[in-house]
Amino acid sequence: MIGAVPESPLAPESAPESESAPESESAPESESGTPRPALLAVSDLHVGFARNRELVAELWPRTSRDWLIVAGDVGEFAADIEWALGLLSERFARVIWVPGNHELWTHRRETLPLRGVDRYQYLIELCRRLGVSTPEDPYPVWDGDGGPVTIVPMFLLYDYTFLPDGVTSRQEALERAHAAGIVATDETILHPDPFPSRQAWCQDRLARTLARLADLPAGVKTVLVNHYPLVREPTRVLRYPVYAPWCGTVHTADWPTRFNAAAVVYGHLHIPRTIWHEGVRHEEVSLGYPREWTRRSAPPVIPRQILPDPAER
């Protein structure tokens, strides 16, 4: 998610104690004690790191009917993305993917020289070959415990409207970020082609997604999935608040309540935790970089359970 800085500007030393990730999550059980199928989620696998790749290689479902949401930042290179999603699609009953910023990079070492929308479309076709659901496909419906719930994978990007406190414009926000030396690598290798800017691409994605959401039947429950948080609140604990402009858009702030979300699933911040906002559960499901998760007192909990709600056991 970040550029050439020695530490992540995202995750603080630890999440607030009341909102920390659980030490472990066990599979839900039926009255007979047998595991029940679950909707699970993970993000920010960053399989270019050997230790992360090892964790992904050991990632198995708890039952043969478990679904897995992968909320972006699998890796930077098409070959790594194909390896990880291919492996997971062979193991889980269904895999649902949304892109993060890393998948959209055109890295100088990438053998696939596609940019912007062309790269995104290539990844969509790759997922379809693997049987993985994407933001461009019909929304799948989870009928297991906690359902029926429509899973809404979204690709929205960001538009620099998550401004740090005291900042009133995108220009001022970027100036502060440059002065602090905390600038997203996106600025140089996440190309918006054919759009003139990432903001313009974001606005197009918002319009397309909103049109599809508006077509959902009235009253249907959803799980909204996006790489970036849909509301500003999760970014309040960033180690470097100047990074917030690369973390979402204010234009999705009412979507969780407006579209009847049972939960919102996101990643990007590398701060795995649960928060509640306006009565809606928001789950950050990220793994993050080895230098982050190896410093924590407990091993990473991946994947995290979304449905049935772990609090309702």
C-alpha atoms as a PDB file:
ATOM      1  CA  MET A   1       0.000   0.000   0.000  1.00  0.00           C
ATOM      2  CA  ILE A   2       2.880   2.336   0.580  1.00  0.00           C
ATOM      3  CA  GLY A   3       5.998   3.658  -1.014  1.00  0.00           C
ATOM      4  CA  ALA A   4       9.622   3.762  -0.035  1.00  0.00           C
ATOM      5  CA  VAL A   5       9.312   4.339   3.693  1.00  0.00           C
ATOM      6  CA  PRO A   6      10.997   2.150   6.350  1.00  0.00           C
ATOM      7  CA  GLU A   7       7.838   1.541   8.406  1.00  0.00           C
ATOM      8  CA  SER A   8       4.195   1.252   7.424  1.00  0.00           C
ATOM      9  CA  PRO A   9       2.483   4.634   7.771  1.00  0.00           C
ATOM     10  CA  LEU A  10      -0.744   2.774   8.310  1.00  0.00           C
ATOM     11  CA  ALA A  11      -0.825   0.500  11.316  1.00  0.00           C
ATOM     12  CA  PRO A  12      -0.151   1.986  14.749  1.00  0.00           C
ATOM     13  CA  GLU A  13       1.902  -0.017  17.243  1.00  0.00           C
ATOM     14  CA  SER A  14      -1.345  -1.760  18.224  1.00  0.00           C
ATOM     15  CA  ALA A  15      -5.041  -1.394  17.660  1.00  0.00           C
ATOM     16  CA  PRO A  16      -7.128   0.153  20.439  1.00  0.00           C
ATOM     17  CA  GLU A  17      -7.592  -2.537  23.065  1.00  0.00           C
ATOM     18  CA  SER A  18     -11.382  -2.592  22.828  1.00  0.00           C
ATOM     19  CA  GLU A  19     -11.248  -3.034  19.067  1.00  0.00           C
ATOM     20  CA  SER A  20      -8.374  -5.485  18.680  1.00  0.00           C
ATOM     21  CA  ALA A  21      -8.558  -8.622  16.585  1.00  0.00           C
ATOM     22  CA  PRO A  22      -9.605 -11.728  18.528  1.00  0.00           C
ATOM     23  CA  GLU A  23      -6.825 -14.049  19.634  1.00  0.00           C
ATOM     24  CA  SER A  24      -8.397 -16.895  17.684  1.00  0.00           C
ATOM     25  CA  GLU A  25     -11.574 -17.816  15.856  1.00  0.00           C
ATOM     26  CA  SER A  26     -12.969 -21.341  15.828  1.00  0.00           C
ATOM     27  CA  ALA A  27     -15.445 -22.691  13.316  1.00  0.00           C
ATOM     28  CA  PRO A  28     -19.132 -22.317  14.222  1.00  0.00           C
ATOM     29  CA  GLU A  29     -20.667 -25.580  15.361  1.00  0.00           C
ATOM     30  CA  SER A  30     -24.089 -27.117  14.938  1.00  0.00           C
ATOM     31  CA  GLU A  31     -26.048 -28.519  17.892  1.00  0.00           C
ATOM     32  CA  SER A  32     -24.410 -31.871  17.179  1.00  0.00           C
ATOM     33  CA  GLY A  33     -20.970 -30.300  17.545  1.00  0.00           C
ATOM     34  CA  THR A  34     -20.003 -30.597  13.872  1.00  0.00           C
ATOM     35  CA  PRO A  35     -18.560 -27.513  12.130  1.00  0.00           C
ATOM     36  CA  ARG A  36     -21.055 -25.387  10.213  1.00  0.00           C
ATOM     37  CA  PRO A  37     -20.201 -23.601   6.943  1.00  0.00           C
ATOM     38  CA  ALA A  38     -19.023 -20.022   7.363  1.00  0.00           C
ATOM     39  CA  LEU A  39     -18.456 -16.921   5.283  1.00  0.00           C
ATOM     40  CA  LEU A  40     -14.803 -16.022   5.872  1.00  0.00           C
ATOM     41  CA  ALA A  41     -12.645 -13.128   4.721  1.00  0.00           C
ATOM     42  CA  VAL A  42      -9.027 -12.066   4.369  1.00  0.00           C
ATOM     43  CA  SER A  43      -7.114  -9.281   2.628  1.00  0.00           C
ATOM     44  CA  ASP A  44      -3.639  -7.870   2.115  1.00  0.00           C
ATOM     45  CA  LEU A  45      -2.010 -11.263   1.695  1.00  0.00           C
ATOM     46  CA  HIS A  46       0.996  -9.704  -0.080  1.00  0.00           C
ATOM     47  CA  VAL A  47       2.237 -13.071  -1.283  1.00  0.00           C
ATOM     48  CA  GLY A  48       5.416 -11.534  -2.684  1.00  0.00           C
ATOM     49  CA  PHE A  49       6.751 -11.918   0.861  1.00  0.00           C
ATOM     50  CA  ALA A  50       7.924 -15.479   1.483  1.00  0.00           C
ATOM     51  CA  ARG A  51       6.477 -15.673   5.003  1.00  0.00           C
ATOM     52  CA  ASN A  52       3.071 -14.517   3.768  1.00  0.00           C
ATOM     53  CA  ARG A  53       3.197 -16.971   0.888  1.00  0.00           C
ATOM     54  CA  GLU A  54       3.798 -19.763   3.401  1.00  0.00           C
ATOM     55  CA  LEU A  55       0.724 -18.709   5.390  1.00  0.00           C
ATOM     56  CA  VAL A  56      -1.422 -18.687   2.249  1.00  0.00           C
ATOM     57  CA  ALA A  57      -0.153 -22.137   1.298  1.00  0.00           C
ATOM     58  CA  GLU A  58      -1.493 -23.372   4.655  1.00  0.00           C
ATOM     59  CA  LEU A  59      -4.855 -21.604   4.375  1.00  0.00           C
ATOM     60  CA  TRP A  60      -7.648 -24.187   4.326  1.00  0.00           C
ATOM     61  CA  PRO A  61     -11.423 -24.005   4.795  1.00  0.00           C
ATOM     62  CA  ARG A  62     -12.946 -25.267   8.011  1.00  0.00           C
ATOM     63  CA  THR A  63     -15.712 -27.111   6.135  1.00  0.00           C
ATOM     64  CA  SER A  64     -16.190 -28.123   2.514  1.00  0.00           C
ATOM     65  CA  ARG A  65     -18.866 -25.427   2.103  1.00  0.00           C
ATOM     66  CA  ASP A  66     -16.968 -22.408   3.441  1.00  0.00           C
ATOM     67  CA  TRP A  67     -16.836 -19.284   1.275  1.00  0.00           C
ATOM     68  CA  LEU A  68     -13.852 -16.940   1.255  1.00  0.00           C
ATOM     69  CA  ILE A  69     -13.796 -13.206   0.517  1.00  0.00           C
ATOM     70  CA  VAL A  70     -10.392 -11.880  -0.610  1.00  0.00           C
ATOM     71  CA  ALA A  71     -10.543  -8.101  -0.197  1.00  0.00           C
ATOM     72  CA  GLY A  72      -7.579  -7.014  -2.286  1.00  0.00           C
ATOM     73  CA  ASP A  73      -3.797  -6.689  -2.227  1.00  0.00           C
ATOM     74  CA  VAL A  74      -3.071 -10.316  -2.993  1.00  0.00           C
ATOM     75  CA  GLY A  75       0.132  -9.170  -4.698  1.00  0.00           C
ATOM     76  CA  GLU A  76       1.677  -6.900  -7.307  1.00  0.00           C
ATOM     77  CA  PHE A  77       2.343  -9.368 -10.108  1.00  0.00           C
ATOM     78  CA  ALA A  78      -0.197 -11.206 -12.238  1.00  0.00           C
ATOM     79  CA  ALA A  79       1.568 -14.539 -11.729  1.00  0.00           C
ATOM     80  CA  ASP A  80       1.412 -14.206  -7.928  1.00  0.00           C
ATOM     81  CA  ILE A  81      -2.246 -13.199  -8.043  1.00  0.00           C
ATOM     82  CA  GLU A  82      -3.074 -16.189 -10.224  1.00  0.00           C
ATOM     83  CA  TRP A  83      -1.156 -18.553  -7.929  1.00  0.00           C
ATOM     84  CA  ALA A  84      -2.920 -17.379  -4.758  1.00  0.00           C
ATOM     85  CA  LEU A  85      -6.448 -17.125  -6.137  1.00  0.00           C
ATOM     86  CA  GLY A  86      -6.047 -20.386  -8.017  1.00  0.00           C
ATOM     87  CA  LEU A  87      -4.953 -22.185  -4.852  1.00  0.00           C
ATOM     88  CA  LEU A  88      -7.776 -20.738  -2.764  1.00  0.00           C
ATOM     89  CA  SER A  89     -10.434 -21.383  -5.421  1.00  0.00           C
ATOM     90  CA  GLU A  90      -9.472 -25.062  -5.394  1.00  0.00           C
ATOM     91  CA  ARG A  91      -9.980 -25.261  -1.628  1.00  0.00           C
ATOM     92  CA  PHE A  92     -12.984 -23.083  -0.826  1.00  0.00           C
ATOM     93  CA  ALA A  93     -16.517 -23.663  -2.096  1.00  0.00           C
ATOM     94  CA  ARG A  94     -16.547 -20.101  -3.426  1.00  0.00           C
ATOM     95  CA  VAL A  95     -13.977 -17.301  -3.595  1.00  0.00           C
ATOM     96  CA  ILE A  96     -14.974 -13.650  -4.029  1.00  0.00           C
ATOM     97  CA  TRP A  97     -12.252 -11.122  -4.921  1.00  0.00           C
ATOM     98  CA  VAL A  98     -11.994  -7.352  -5.127  1.00  0.00           C
ATOM     99  CA  PRO A  99      -8.837  -5.539  -6.239  1.00  0.00           C
ATOM    100  CA  GLY A 100      -6.623  -3.518  -3.978  1.00  0.00           C
ATOM    101  CA  ASN A 101      -4.203  -0.893  -5.128  1.00  0.00           C
ATOM    102  CA  HIS A 102      -1.308  -3.370  -5.371  1.00  0.00           C
ATOM    103  CA  GLU A 103      -3.033  -5.534  -7.984  1.00  0.00           C
ATOM    104  CA  LEU A 104      -3.468  -2.422 -10.131  1.00  0.00           C
ATOM    105  CA  TRP A 105       0.182  -1.376 -10.073  1.00  0.00           C
ATOM    106  CA  THR A 106       2.180  -1.606 -13.287  1.00  0.00           C
ATOM    107  CA  HIS A 107       5.446  -2.544 -11.635  1.00  0.00           C
ATOM    108  CA  ARG A 108       8.686  -2.218 -13.573  1.00  0.00           C
ATOM    109  CA  ARG A 109       9.313  -5.962 -13.019  1.00  0.00           C
ATOM    110  CA  GLU A 110       5.819  -7.000 -14.120  1.00  0.00           C
ATOM    111  CA  THR A 111       5.878  -9.115 -17.287  1.00  0.00           C
ATOM    112  CA  LEU A 112       2.313  -8.015 -18.074  1.00  0.00           C
ATOM    113  CA  PRO A 113       2.682  -4.426 -19.357  1.00  0.00           C
ATOM    114  CA  LEU A 114      -0.959  -3.400 -18.948  1.00  0.00           C
ATOM    115  CA  ARG A 115      -2.107  -0.209 -17.269  1.00  0.00           C
ATOM    116  CA  GLY A 116      -5.256   1.099 -15.645  1.00  0.00           C
ATOM    117  CA  VAL A 117      -8.572  -0.266 -16.899  1.00  0.00           C
ATOM    118  CA  ASP A 118      -6.839  -2.724 -19.227  1.00  0.00           C
ATOM    119  CA  ARG A 119      -5.010  -4.285 -16.293  1.00  0.00           C
ATOM    120  CA  TYR A 120      -8.196  -4.426 -14.240  1.00  0.00           C
ATOM    121  CA  GLN A 121     -10.059  -6.136 -17.082  1.00  0.00           C
ATOM    122  CA  TYR A 122      -7.240  -8.656 -17.469  1.00  0.00           C
ATOM    123  CA  LEU A 123      -7.560  -9.545 -13.775  1.00  0.00           C
ATOM    124  CA  ILE A 124     -11.338  -9.896 -14.116  1.00  0.00           C
ATOM    125  CA  GLU A 125     -10.889 -12.406 -16.932  1.00  0.00           C
ATOM    126  CA  LEU A 126      -8.200 -14.202 -14.933  1.00  0.00           C
ATOM    127  CA  CYS A 127     -10.612 -14.579 -12.015  1.00  0.00           C
ATOM    128  CA  ARG A 128     -13.371 -15.827 -14.264  1.00  0.00           C
ATOM    129  CA  ARG A 129     -11.072 -18.532 -15.625  1.00  0.00           C
ATOM    130  CA  LEU A 130     -10.408 -19.579 -12.041  1.00  0.00           C
ATOM    131  CA  GLY A 131     -14.091 -19.503 -11.056  1.00  0.00           C
ATOM    132  CA  VAL A 132     -13.581 -16.544  -8.719  1.00  0.00           C
ATOM    133  CA  SER A 133     -16.375 -13.957  -8.380  1.00  0.00           C
ATOM    134  CA  THR A 134     -15.485 -10.308  -9.044  1.00  0.00           C
ATOM    135  CA  PRO A 135     -17.094  -6.851  -8.871  1.00  0.00           C
ATOM    136  CA  GLU A 136     -18.171  -7.310 -12.504  1.00  0.00           C
ATOM    137  CA  ASP A 137     -20.162 -10.498 -11.919  1.00  0.00           C
ATOM    138  CA  PRO A 138     -23.656 -11.179 -10.533  1.00  0.00           C
ATOM    139  CA  TYR A 139     -23.683 -10.742  -6.766  1.00  0.00           C
ATOM    140  CA  PRO A 140     -23.576 -14.123  -5.004  1.00  0.00           C
ATOM    141  CA  VAL A 141     -26.035 -14.862  -2.198  1.00  0.00           C
ATOM    142  CA  TRP A 142     -24.830 -16.520   0.999  1.00  0.00           C
ATOM    143  CA  ASP A 143     -27.583 -18.880   2.194  1.00  0.00           C
ATOM    144  CA  GLY A 144     -25.720 -20.324   5.174  1.00  0.00           C
ATOM    145  CA  ASP A 145     -25.990 -19.244   8.816  1.00  0.00           C
ATOM    146  CA  GLY A 146     -26.624 -15.525   9.022  1.00  0.00           C
ATOM    147  CA  GLY A 147     -28.182 -15.487   5.545  1.00  0.00           C
ATOM    148  CA  PRO A 148     -29.639 -15.045   3.109  1.00  0.00           C
ATOM    149  CA  VAL A 149     -27.240 -12.163   2.475  1.00  0.00           C
ATOM    150  CA  THR A 150     -26.163 -10.696  -0.860  1.00  0.00           C
ATOM    151  CA  ILE A 151     -22.381 -10.365  -1.098  1.00  0.00           C
ATOM    152  CA  VAL A 152     -21.489  -7.136  -2.912  1.00  0.00           C
ATOM    153  CA  PRO A 153     -17.847  -7.066  -4.094  1.00  0.00           C
ATOM    154  CA  MET A 154     -16.884  -3.519  -5.076  1.00  0.00           C
ATOM    155  CA  PHE A 155     -14.018  -1.763  -6.806  1.00  0.00           C
ATOM    156  CA  LEU A 156     -14.139   1.920  -5.888  1.00  0.00           C
ATOM    157  CA  LEU A 157     -10.578   3.302  -5.504  1.00  0.00           C
ATOM    158  CA  TYR A 158     -10.178   6.625  -3.650  1.00  0.00           C
ATOM    159  CA  ASP A 159     -10.494  10.310  -4.470  1.00  0.00           C
ATOM    160  CA  TYR A 160      -8.355  12.041  -1.803  1.00  0.00           C
ATOM    161  CA  THR A 161     -11.434  13.193   0.148  1.00  0.00           C
ATOM    162  CA  PHE A 162     -10.360  11.511   3.412  1.00  0.00           C
ATOM    163  CA  LEU A 163      -8.565  14.685   4.486  1.00  0.00           C
ATOM    164  CA  PRO A 164      -6.426  14.803   7.639  1.00  0.00           C
ATOM    165  CA  ASP A 165      -7.751  17.011  10.431  1.00  0.00           C
ATOM    166  CA  GLY A 166      -7.163  20.666   9.725  1.00  0.00           C
ATOM    167  CA  VAL A 167      -6.705  20.133   5.971  1.00  0.00           C
ATOM    168  CA  THR A 168      -9.242  21.638   3.574  1.00  0.00           C
ATOM    169  CA  SER A 169      -8.118  20.551   0.092  1.00  0.00           C
ATOM    170  CA  ARG A 170      -6.500  17.722  -1.845  1.00  0.00           C
ATOM    171  CA  GLN A 171      -3.583  19.972  -2.753  1.00  0.00           C
ATOM    172  CA  GLU A 172      -2.877  20.819   0.879  1.00  0.00           C
ATOM    173  CA  ALA A 173      -3.179  17.149   1.843  1.00  0.00           C
ATOM    174  CA  LEU A 174      -0.645  16.098  -0.802  1.00  0.00           C
ATOM    175  CA  GLU A 175       1.732  18.882   0.231  1.00  0.00           C
ATOM    176  CA  ARG A 176       1.645  17.694   3.841  1.00  0.00           C
ATOM    177  CA  ALA A 177       2.194  14.090   2.782  1.00  0.00           C
ATOM    178  CA  HIS A 178       5.186  15.025   0.636  1.00  0.00           C
ATOM    179  CA  ALA A 179       6.623  17.130   3.451  1.00  0.00           C
ATOM    180  CA  ALA A 180       6.311  14.151   5.807  1.00  0.00           C
ATOM    181  CA  GLY A 181       7.815  11.741   3.244  1.00  0.00           C
ATOM    182  CA  ILE A 182       4.673   9.584   3.353  1.00  0.00           C
ATOM    183  CA  VAL A 183       3.433   9.306  -0.232  1.00  0.00           C
ATOM    184  CA  ALA A 184       1.707   6.289  -1.780  1.00  0.00           C
ATOM    185  CA  THR A 185       3.561   4.397  -4.490  1.00  0.00           C
ATOM    186  CA  ASP A 186       0.246   4.634  -6.342  1.00  0.00           C
ATOM    187  CA  GLU A 187       1.263   8.132  -7.378  1.00  0.00           C
ATOM    188  CA  THR A 188       3.854   6.672  -9.760  1.00  0.00           C
ATOM    189  CA  ILE A 189       2.697   3.174 -10.744  1.00  0.00           C
ATOM    190  CA  LEU A 190      -1.093   2.978 -10.326  1.00  0.00           C
ATOM    191  CA  HIS A 191      -2.072   4.397 -13.685  1.00  0.00           C
ATOM    192  CA  PRO A 192      -5.713   5.413 -14.297  1.00  0.00           C
ATOM    193  CA  ASP A 193      -5.641   5.020 -18.112  1.00  0.00           C
ATOM    194  CA  PRO A 194      -7.784   5.924 -19.990  1.00  0.00           C
ATOM    195  CA  PHE A 195      -9.115   8.191 -17.245  1.00  0.00           C
ATOM    196  CA  PRO A 196      -7.228  11.463 -16.710  1.00  0.00           C
ATOM    197  CA  SER A 197      -6.770  10.820 -12.970  1.00  0.00           C
ATOM    198  CA  ARG A 198      -7.388   8.311 -10.188  1.00  0.00           C
ATOM    199  CA  GLN A 199     -10.121  10.635  -8.895  1.00  0.00           C
ATOM    200  CA  ALA A 200     -11.914  10.406 -12.253  1.00  0.00           C
ATOM    201  CA  TRP A 201     -11.616   6.612 -12.257  1.00  0.00           C
ATOM    202  CA  CYS A 202     -12.977   6.574  -8.701  1.00  0.00           C
ATOM    203  CA  GLN A 203     -15.975   8.688  -9.712  1.00  0.00           C
ATOM    204  CA  ASP A 204     -16.730   6.307 -12.581  1.00  0.00           C
ATOM    205  CA  ARG A 205     -16.519   3.307 -10.257  1.00  0.00           C
ATOM    206  CA  LEU A 206     -18.792   4.986  -7.701  1.00  0.00           C
ATOM    207  CA  ALA A 207     -21.423   5.678 -10.345  1.00  0.00           C
ATOM    208  CA  ARG A 208     -21.309   2.155 -11.770  1.00  0.00           C
ATOM    209  CA  THR A 209     -21.498   0.531  -8.354  1.00  0.00           C
ATOM    210  CA  LEU A 210     -24.251   2.798  -7.081  1.00  0.00           C
ATOM    211  CA  ALA A 211     -26.386   1.927 -10.102  1.00  0.00           C
ATOM    212  CA  ARG A 212     -26.063  -1.785  -9.332  1.00  0.00           C
ATOM    213  CA  LEU A 213     -26.775  -1.277  -5.632  1.00  0.00           C
ATOM    214  CA  ALA A 214     -29.887   0.701  -6.485  1.00  0.00           C
ATOM    215  CA  ASP A 215     -31.196  -2.326  -8.404  1.00  0.00           C
ATOM    216  CA  LEU A 216     -31.091  -4.600  -5.345  1.00  0.00           C
ATOM    217  CA  PRO A 217     -34.530  -5.619  -4.050  1.00  0.00           C
ATOM    218  CA  ALA A 218     -35.818  -3.457  -1.226  1.00  0.00           C
ATOM    219  CA  GLY A 219     -34.851  -4.745   2.210  1.00  0.00           C
ATOM    220  CA  VAL A 220     -32.241  -7.254   1.049  1.00  0.00           C
ATOM    221  CA  LYS A 221     -29.397  -7.735   3.522  1.00  0.00           C
ATOM    222  CA  THR A 222     -25.866  -7.246   2.185  1.00  0.00           C
ATOM    223  CA  VAL A 223     -22.224  -7.742   3.010  1.00  0.00           C
ATOM    224  CA  LEU A 224     -20.397  -4.849   1.366  1.00  0.00           C
ATOM    225  CA  VAL A 225     -16.836  -5.702   0.336  1.00  0.00           C
ATOM    226  CA  ASN A 226     -14.243  -3.122  -0.709  1.00  0.00           C
ATOM    227  CA  HIS A 227     -10.491  -2.932  -0.361  1.00  0.00           C
ATOM    228  CA  TYR A 228     -10.761   0.489   1.269  1.00  0.00           C
ATOM    229  CA  PRO A 229     -12.935   1.351   4.274  1.00  0.00           C
ATOM    230  CA  LEU A 230     -16.307   2.805   3.343  1.00  0.00           C
ATOM    231  CA  VAL A 231     -16.314   5.262   6.237  1.00  0.00           C
ATOM    232  CA  ARG A 232     -13.646   7.585   7.581  1.00  0.00           C
ATOM    233  CA  GLU A 233     -13.590   6.225  11.139  1.00  0.00           C
ATOM    234  CA  PRO A 234     -11.135   3.309  10.666  1.00  0.00           C
ATOM    235  CA  THR A 235      -8.445   5.750   9.475  1.00  0.00           C
ATOM    236  CA  ARG A 236      -8.516   7.773  12.711  1.00  0.00           C
ATOM    237  CA  VAL A 237      -5.858   5.485  14.221  1.00  0.00           C
ATOM    238  CA  LEU A 238      -3.350   5.653  11.348  1.00  0.00           C
ATOM    239  CA  ARG A 239       0.206   6.010  12.559  1.00  0.00           C
ATOM    240  CA  TYR A 240       0.608   8.813  10.009  1.00  0.00           C
ATOM    241  CA  PRO A 241      -2.709  10.606   9.433  1.00  0.00           C
ATOM    242  CA  VAL A 242      -1.322  12.241   6.266  1.00  0.00           C
ATOM    243  CA  TYR A 243      -1.831   8.877   4.533  1.00  0.00           C
ATOM    244  CA  ALA A 244      -5.632   9.064   4.844  1.00  0.00           C
ATOM    245  CA  PRO A 245      -6.252  10.588   1.351  1.00  0.00           C
ATOM    246  CA  TRP A 246      -5.203   7.256  -0.226  1.00  0.00           C
ATOM    247  CA  CYS A 247      -7.659   5.290   1.944  1.00  0.00           C
ATOM    248  CA  GLY A 248     -11.149   5.832   0.525  1.00  0.00           C
ATOM    249  CA  THR A 249     -13.820   8.347  -0.379  1.00  0.00           C
ATOM    250  CA  VAL A 250     -16.391  10.277   1.655  1.00  0.00           C
ATOM    251  CA  HIS A 251     -19.012   9.444  -0.975  1.00  0.00           C
ATOM    252  CA  THR A 252     -19.585   5.957   0.490  1.00  0.00           C
ATOM    253  CA  ALA A 253     -20.210   7.127   4.063  1.00  0.00           C
ATOM    254  CA  ASP A 254     -23.928   6.294   4.050  1.00  0.00           C
ATOM    255  CA  TRP A 255     -23.730   3.107   1.985  1.00  0.00           C
ATOM    256  CA  PRO A 256     -23.577   0.658   4.945  1.00  0.00           C
ATOM    257  CA  THR A 257     -26.882   1.924   6.366  1.00  0.00           C
ATOM    258  CA  ARG A 258     -28.431   2.859   3.017  1.00  0.00           C
ATOM    259  CA  PHE A 259     -27.911  -0.624   1.604  1.00  0.00           C
ATOM    260  CA  ASN A 260     -28.758  -2.603   4.736  1.00  0.00           C
ATOM    261  CA  ALA A 261     -25.305  -4.022   5.420  1.00  0.00           C
ATOM    262  CA  ALA A 262     -25.067  -6.879   7.885  1.00  0.00           C
ATOM    263  CA  ALA A 263     -21.310  -6.252   7.738  1.00  0.00           C
ATOM    264  CA  VAL A 264     -18.697  -4.278   5.818  1.00  0.00           C
ATOM    265  CA  VAL A 265     -15.478  -6.072   4.886  1.00  0.00           C
ATOM    266  CA  TYR A 266     -12.340  -4.102   4.016  1.00  0.00           C
ATOM    267  CA  GLY A 267      -8.541  -4.140   4.244  1.00  0.00           C
ATOM    268  CA  HIS A 268      -5.778  -1.734   3.173  1.00  0.00           C
ATOM    269  CA  LEU A 269      -4.927  -0.250   6.575  1.00  0.00           C
ATOM    270  CA  HIS A 270      -3.153  -3.326   7.982  1.00  0.00           C
ATOM    271  CA  ILE A 271      -5.049  -2.816  11.254  1.00  0.00           C
ATOM    272  CA  PRO A 272      -7.147  -5.997  11.605  1.00  0.00           C
ATOM    273  CA  ARG A 273     -10.025  -5.341  13.998  1.00  0.00           C
ATOM    274  CA  THR A 274     -13.767  -4.957  14.368  1.00  0.00           C
ATOM    275  CA  ILE A 275     -15.455  -1.595  14.817  1.00  0.00           C
ATOM    276  CA  TRP A 276     -19.108  -0.604  14.901  1.00  0.00           C
ATOM    277  CA  HIS A 277     -20.309   2.545  13.189  1.00  0.00           C
ATOM    278  CA  GLU A 278     -23.937   3.668  13.079  1.00  0.00           C
ATOM    279  CA  GLY A 279     -25.009   0.182  14.102  1.00  0.00           C
ATOM    280  CA  VAL A 280     -23.062  -1.618  11.347  1.00  0.00           C
ATOM    281  CA  ARG A 281     -20.147  -3.994  11.940  1.00  0.00           C
ATOM    282  CA  HIS A 282     -16.992  -3.098   9.963  1.00  0.00           C
ATOM    283  CA  GLU A 283     -14.359  -5.852   9.744  1.00  0.00           C
ATOM    284  CA  GLU A 284     -10.805  -5.178   8.645  1.00  0.00           C
ATOM    285  CA  VAL A 285      -9.526  -8.590   7.569  1.00  0.00           C
ATOM    286  CA  SER A 286      -5.945  -7.787   6.542  1.00  0.00           C
ATOM    287  CA  LEU A 287      -2.826  -9.859   7.083  1.00  0.00           C
ATOM    288  CA  GLY A 288      -0.287  -7.147   6.176  1.00  0.00           C
ATOM    289  CA  TYR A 289       3.489  -7.221   5.918  1.00  0.00           C
ATOM    290  CA  PRO A 290       5.586  -9.712   7.918  1.00  0.00           C
ATOM    291  CA  ARG A 291       7.342  -6.850   9.699  1.00  0.00           C
ATOM    292  CA  GLU A 292       3.923  -5.850  11.057  1.00  0.00           C
ATOM    293  CA  TRP A 293       2.227  -9.100  12.011  1.00  0.00           C
ATOM    294  CA  THR A 294       5.357 -10.714  13.476  1.00  0.00           C
ATOM    295  CA  ARG A 295       5.596  -7.899  16.057  1.00  0.00           C
ATOM    296  CA  ARG A 296       2.161  -8.554  17.497  1.00  0.00           C
ATOM    297  CA  SER A 297       1.702 -10.589  20.657  1.00  0.00           C
ATOM    298  CA  ALA A 298      -0.556 -13.146  18.957  1.00  0.00           C
ATOM    299  CA  PRO A 299      -0.270 -14.849  15.555  1.00  0.00           C
ATOM    300  CA  PRO A 300      -2.412 -13.444  12.738  1.00  0.00           C
ATOM    301  CA  VAL A 301      -6.028 -14.582  12.610  1.00  0.00           C
ATOM    302  CA  ILE A 302      -6.720 -15.416   8.985  1.00  0.00           C
ATOM    303  CA  PRO A 303      -9.266 -15.775   7.661  1.00  0.00           C
ATOM    304  CA  ARG A 304     -11.722 -13.881   9.874  1.00  0.00           C
ATOM    305  CA  GLN A 305     -15.296 -15.057  10.213  1.00  0.00           C
ATOM    306  CA  ILE A 306     -17.963 -12.713   8.850  1.00  0.00           C
ATOM    307  CA  LEU A 307     -21.074 -14.920   9.005  1.00  0.00           C
ATOM    308  CA  PRO A 308     -22.494 -16.234  11.157  1.00  0.00           C
ATOM    309  CA  ASP A 309     -21.584 -13.269  13.351  1.00  0.00           C
ATOM    310  CA  PRO A 310     -18.990 -14.639  15.822  1.00  0.00           C
ATOM    311  CA  ALA A 311     -20.592 -12.537  18.588  1.00  0.00           C
ATOM    312  CA  GLU A 312     -23.850 -14.451  18.196  1.00  0.00           C
ATOM    313  CA  ARG A 313     -22.544 -17.918  19.019  1.00  0.00           C
END
